[in-house]
Amino acid sequence: MIMSLELAGVFNKIKGLIVGGMTNMGDEKDNKDYEASFDEFAYKLISERISKHKFPVVFGFPNGHIKDNRPLIIGGKIKLKSESKVKIEF
């Protein structure tokens, strides 16, 4: 999905990125966090893919393919502050 967003030019148009939770990434025997809602392996892959872009990124938002899934409005406007603490306002 991240590669699709990159190829579509999305990362050249956004001002920030919020990454939610995901499970079952990679090979279960190689990933200690395979069943965890916030998988460090997945976050590493995403970080590597977007590293050339200069926008703030928030990892660990309670949204996505996880049990505690809080909805976000796709295309909605938010204010994202990522200084010493992260603050997201809708």
N, C-alpha and C. Protein backbone atom coordinates (compact mmCIF):
# COMPACT_ATOMS: atom_id res chain seq x y z
N MET A 1 0.82 -1.19 0.00
CA MET A 1 0.00 0.00 0.00
C MET A 1 0.87 1.26 0.00
N ILE A 2 1.92 1.28 0.79
CA ILE A 2 2.81 2.45 0.84
C ILE A 2 3.44 2.68 -0.53
N MET A 3 3.83 1.62 -1.21
CA MET A 3 4.41 1.77 -2.54
C MET A 3 3.37 2.34 -3.52
N SER A 4 2.14 1.91 -3.42
CA SER A 4 1.08 2.43 -4.28
C SER A 4 0.87 3.92 -4.04
N LEU A 5 0.87 4.33 -2.77
CA LEU A 5 0.72 5.75 -2.45
C LEU A 5 1.89 6.56 -3.01
N GLU A 6 3.09 5.99 -2.89
CA GLU A 6 4.26 6.68 -3.41
C GLU A 6 4.19 6.81 -4.93
N LEU A 7 3.86 5.73 -5.61
CA LEU A 7 3.78 5.76 -7.08
C LEU A 7 2.69 6.69 -7.58
N ALA A 8 1.63 6.86 -6.80
CA ALA A 8 0.54 7.76 -7.18
C ALA A 8 0.87 9.23 -6.88
N GLY A 9 2.01 9.48 -6.27
CA GLY A 9 2.43 10.85 -5.97
C GLY A 9 1.79 11.45 -4.73
N VAL A 10 1.17 10.63 -3.92
CA VAL A 10 0.48 11.12 -2.72
C VAL A 10 1.46 11.80 -1.77
N PHE A 11 2.64 11.26 -1.60
CA PHE A 11 3.60 11.81 -0.64
C PHE A 11 4.16 13.17 -1.06
N ASN A 12 3.95 13.54 -2.31
CA ASN A 12 4.36 14.86 -2.77
C ASN A 12 3.27 15.91 -2.50
N LYS A 13 2.10 15.46 -2.06
CA LYS A 13 0.96 16.36 -1.87
C LYS A 13 0.55 16.53 -0.41
N ILE A 14 0.99 15.64 0.47
CA ILE A 14 0.54 15.70 1.86
C ILE A 14 1.50 16.51 2.72
N LYS A 15 0.98 16.94 3.87
CA LYS A 15 1.79 17.72 4.81
C LYS A 15 2.16 16.92 6.05
N GLY A 16 1.61 15.71 6.20
CA GLY A 16 1.89 14.85 7.34
C GLY A 16 1.28 13.49 7.09
N LEU A 17 1.70 12.51 7.88
CA LEU A 17 1.22 11.15 7.72
C LEU A 17 0.94 10.55 9.10
N ILE A 18 -0.24 9.95 9.24
CA ILE A 18 -0.61 9.24 10.47
C ILE A 18 -0.67 7.76 10.12
N VAL A 19 0.09 6.95 10.84
CA VAL A 19 0.14 5.52 10.59
C VAL A 19 -0.50 4.81 11.78
N GLY A 20 -1.51 4.01 11.48
CA GLY A 20 -2.21 3.27 12.52
C GLY A 20 -1.56 1.93 12.80
N GLY A 21 -2.36 1.03 13.33
CA GLY A 21 -1.86 -0.28 13.71
C GLY A 21 -2.04 -1.30 12.60
N MET A 22 -1.24 -2.33 12.67
CA MET A 22 -1.36 -3.45 11.74
C MET A 22 -0.74 -4.67 12.39
N THR A 23 -1.26 -5.82 12.04
CA THR A 23 -0.75 -7.07 12.60
C THR A 23 -0.36 -8.01 11.47
N ASN A 24 0.30 -9.08 11.84
CA ASN A 24 0.65 -10.18 10.93
C ASN A 24 1.51 -9.73 9.76
N MET A 25 2.55 -8.93 10.06
CA MET A 25 3.45 -8.45 9.02
C MET A 25 4.69 -9.33 8.96
N GLY A 26 5.09 -9.66 7.74
CA GLY A 26 6.29 -10.46 7.55
C GLY A 26 6.06 -11.91 7.89
N ASP A 27 7.12 -12.58 8.24
CA ASP A 27 7.09 -14.01 8.57
C ASP A 27 6.93 -14.16 10.08
N GLU A 28 5.96 -14.93 10.49
CA GLU A 28 5.64 -15.08 11.92
C GLU A 28 6.85 -15.54 12.74
N LYS A 29 7.65 -16.43 12.21
CA LYS A 29 8.79 -16.93 13.01
C LYS A 29 9.93 -15.91 13.11
N ASP A 30 9.96 -14.91 12.22
CA ASP A 30 11.01 -13.89 12.26
C ASP A 30 10.58 -12.60 12.93
N ASN A 31 9.28 -12.44 13.19
CA ASN A 31 8.76 -11.19 13.73
C ASN A 31 8.18 -11.42 15.12
N LYS A 32 8.86 -10.95 16.15
CA LYS A 32 8.40 -11.15 17.53
C LYS A 32 7.09 -10.43 17.82
N ASP A 33 6.79 -9.39 17.04
CA ASP A 33 5.56 -8.61 17.23
C ASP A 33 4.46 -8.98 16.24
N TYR A 34 4.51 -10.18 15.70
CA TYR A 34 3.60 -10.62 14.63
C TYR A 34 2.13 -10.40 14.98
N GLU A 35 1.73 -10.66 16.21
CA GLU A 35 0.33 -10.52 16.64
C GLU A 35 0.04 -9.18 17.31
N ALA A 36 1.04 -8.37 17.54
CA ALA A 36 0.86 -7.09 18.24
C ALA A 36 0.16 -6.08 17.34
N SER A 37 -0.63 -5.19 17.94
CA SER A 37 -1.35 -4.18 17.17
C SER A 37 -0.42 -3.14 16.55
N PHE A 38 0.68 -2.86 17.19
CA PHE A 38 1.61 -1.87 16.66
C PHE A 38 2.93 -2.56 16.43
N ASP A 39 3.13 -2.99 15.20
CA ASP A 39 4.22 -3.86 14.79
C ASP A 39 5.44 -3.04 14.37
N GLU A 40 6.52 -3.13 15.13
CA GLU A 40 7.74 -2.37 14.85
C GLU A 40 8.32 -2.71 13.48
N PHE A 41 8.17 -3.95 13.04
CA PHE A 41 8.69 -4.36 11.73
C PHE A 41 7.97 -3.60 10.63
N ALA A 42 6.66 -3.50 10.72
CA ALA A 42 5.89 -2.75 9.71
C ALA A 42 6.28 -1.28 9.72
N TYR A 43 6.44 -0.72 10.91
CA TYR A 43 6.82 0.69 11.01
C TYR A 43 8.20 0.94 10.40
N LYS A 44 9.10 -0.01 10.56
CA LYS A 44 10.43 0.11 9.97
C LYS A 44 10.33 0.14 8.45
N LEU A 45 9.52 -0.74 7.89
CA LEU A 45 9.36 -0.78 6.43
C LEU A 45 8.77 0.54 5.92
N ILE A 46 7.79 1.06 6.62
CA ILE A 46 7.16 2.33 6.22
C ILE A 46 8.18 3.46 6.33
N SER A 47 8.91 3.51 7.43
CA SER A 47 9.91 4.56 7.64
C SER A 47 10.94 4.57 6.51
N GLU A 48 11.41 3.39 6.11
CA GLU A 48 12.39 3.31 5.04
C GLU A 48 11.82 3.83 3.73
N ARG A 49 10.56 3.51 3.44
CA ARG A 49 9.93 3.90 2.18
C ARG A 49 9.72 5.42 2.10
N ILE A 50 9.39 6.05 3.22
CA ILE A 50 9.06 7.48 3.18
C ILE A 50 10.21 8.37 3.63
N SER A 51 11.37 7.80 3.87
CA SER A 51 12.49 8.56 4.46
C SER A 51 12.94 9.75 3.61
N LYS A 52 12.73 9.72 2.32
CA LYS A 52 13.17 10.83 1.48
C LYS A 52 12.22 12.02 1.52
N HIS A 53 11.05 11.84 2.12
CA HIS A 53 10.06 12.91 2.20
C HIS A 53 10.24 13.70 3.49
N LYS A 54 9.87 14.96 3.46
CA LYS A 54 10.07 15.85 4.61
C LYS A 54 8.74 16.30 5.20
N PHE A 55 8.00 15.38 5.78
CA PHE A 55 6.77 15.72 6.49
C PHE A 55 6.74 14.94 7.80
N PRO A 56 6.01 15.47 8.78
CA PRO A 56 5.94 14.74 10.07
C PRO A 56 5.16 13.44 9.91
N VAL A 57 5.61 12.43 10.65
CA VAL A 57 4.96 11.11 10.63
C VAL A 57 4.65 10.71 12.06
N VAL A 58 3.43 10.28 12.29
CA VAL A 58 3.00 9.80 13.60
C VAL A 58 2.71 8.30 13.49
N PHE A 59 3.39 7.50 14.29
CA PHE A 59 3.14 6.06 14.32
C PHE A 59 2.35 5.71 15.58
N GLY A 60 1.57 4.66 15.50
CA GLY A 60 0.88 4.15 16.68
C GLY A 60 -0.49 4.74 16.94
N PHE A 61 -1.09 5.40 15.94
CA PHE A 61 -2.44 5.93 16.13
C PHE A 61 -3.41 4.75 16.19
N PRO A 62 -4.38 4.76 17.11
CA PRO A 62 -5.29 3.61 17.26
C PRO A 62 -6.31 3.52 16.13
N ASN A 63 -5.83 3.15 14.96
CA ASN A 63 -6.67 3.01 13.78
C ASN A 63 -6.01 1.98 12.88
N GLY A 64 -6.79 1.27 12.12
CA GLY A 64 -6.24 0.31 11.17
C GLY A 64 -6.75 -1.09 11.42
N HIS A 65 -5.95 -2.06 11.07
CA HIS A 65 -6.32 -3.46 11.17
C HIS A 65 -5.99 -3.99 12.57
N ILE A 66 -6.68 -3.42 13.56
CA ILE A 66 -6.45 -3.78 14.96
C ILE A 66 -7.80 -3.84 15.68
N LYS A 67 -7.81 -4.39 16.88
CA LYS A 67 -9.05 -4.52 17.65
C LYS A 67 -9.59 -3.17 18.10
N ASP A 68 -8.74 -2.30 18.63
CA ASP A 68 -9.16 -0.96 19.08
C ASP A 68 -9.02 0.00 17.91
N ASN A 69 -10.01 0.01 17.02
CA ASN A 69 -9.95 0.76 15.78
C ASN A 69 -10.81 2.02 15.89
N ARG A 70 -10.17 3.18 15.95
CA ARG A 70 -10.88 4.46 16.02
C ARG A 70 -10.87 5.09 14.64
N PRO A 71 -12.01 5.46 14.14
CA PRO A 71 -12.09 5.91 12.74
C PRO A 71 -11.47 7.28 12.50
N LEU A 72 -10.97 7.43 11.30
CA LEU A 72 -10.48 8.71 10.78
C LEU A 72 -11.29 9.01 9.51
N ILE A 73 -11.50 10.27 9.23
CA ILE A 73 -12.20 10.65 8.01
C ILE A 73 -11.15 10.83 6.92
N ILE A 74 -11.19 9.98 5.91
CA ILE A 74 -10.23 10.07 4.82
C ILE A 74 -10.44 11.39 4.09
N GLY A 75 -9.38 12.12 3.94
CA GLY A 75 -9.44 13.42 3.28
C GLY A 75 -9.87 14.55 4.21
N GLY A 76 -10.16 14.22 5.46
CA GLY A 76 -10.56 15.24 6.43
C GLY A 76 -9.38 16.13 6.80
N LYS A 77 -9.67 17.30 7.25
CA LYS A 77 -8.62 18.24 7.65
C LYS A 77 -8.38 18.10 9.15
N ILE A 78 -7.11 18.02 9.51
CA ILE A 78 -6.71 17.94 10.91
C ILE A 78 -5.52 18.87 11.14
N LYS A 79 -5.23 19.10 12.39
CA LYS A 79 -4.01 19.84 12.76
C LYS A 79 -3.11 18.84 13.48
N LEU A 80 -1.91 18.70 12.98
CA LEU A 80 -0.94 17.75 13.53
C LEU A 80 0.26 18.53 14.03
N LYS A 81 0.52 18.43 15.32
CA LYS A 81 1.70 19.06 15.91
C LYS A 81 2.61 17.95 16.39
N SER A 82 3.83 17.94 15.90
CA SER A 82 4.77 16.87 16.28
C SER A 82 6.06 17.47 16.80
N GLU A 83 5.95 18.06 17.98
CA GLU A 83 7.13 18.64 18.62
C GLU A 83 7.63 17.64 19.65
N SER A 84 7.78 18.02 20.90
CA SER A 84 8.22 17.06 21.91
C SER A 84 7.13 16.04 22.22
N LYS A 85 5.87 16.45 22.07
CA LYS A 85 4.71 15.56 22.17
C LYS A 85 3.91 15.70 20.89
N VAL A 86 3.21 14.64 20.54
CA VAL A 86 2.36 14.68 19.35
C VAL A 86 0.95 15.07 19.76
N LYS A 87 0.36 15.99 19.01
CA LYS A 87 -1.01 16.39 19.26
C LYS A 87 -1.75 16.41 17.93
N ILE A 88 -2.89 15.74 17.90
CA ILE A 88 -3.73 15.68 16.70
C ILE A 88 -5.08 16.26 17.04
N GLU A 89 -5.51 17.27 16.29
CA GLU A 89 -6.80 17.92 16.51
C GLU A 89 -7.64 17.77 15.26
N PHE A 90 -8.92 17.44 15.46
CA PHE A 90 -9.86 17.30 14.34
C PHE A 90 -10.76 18.51 14.30
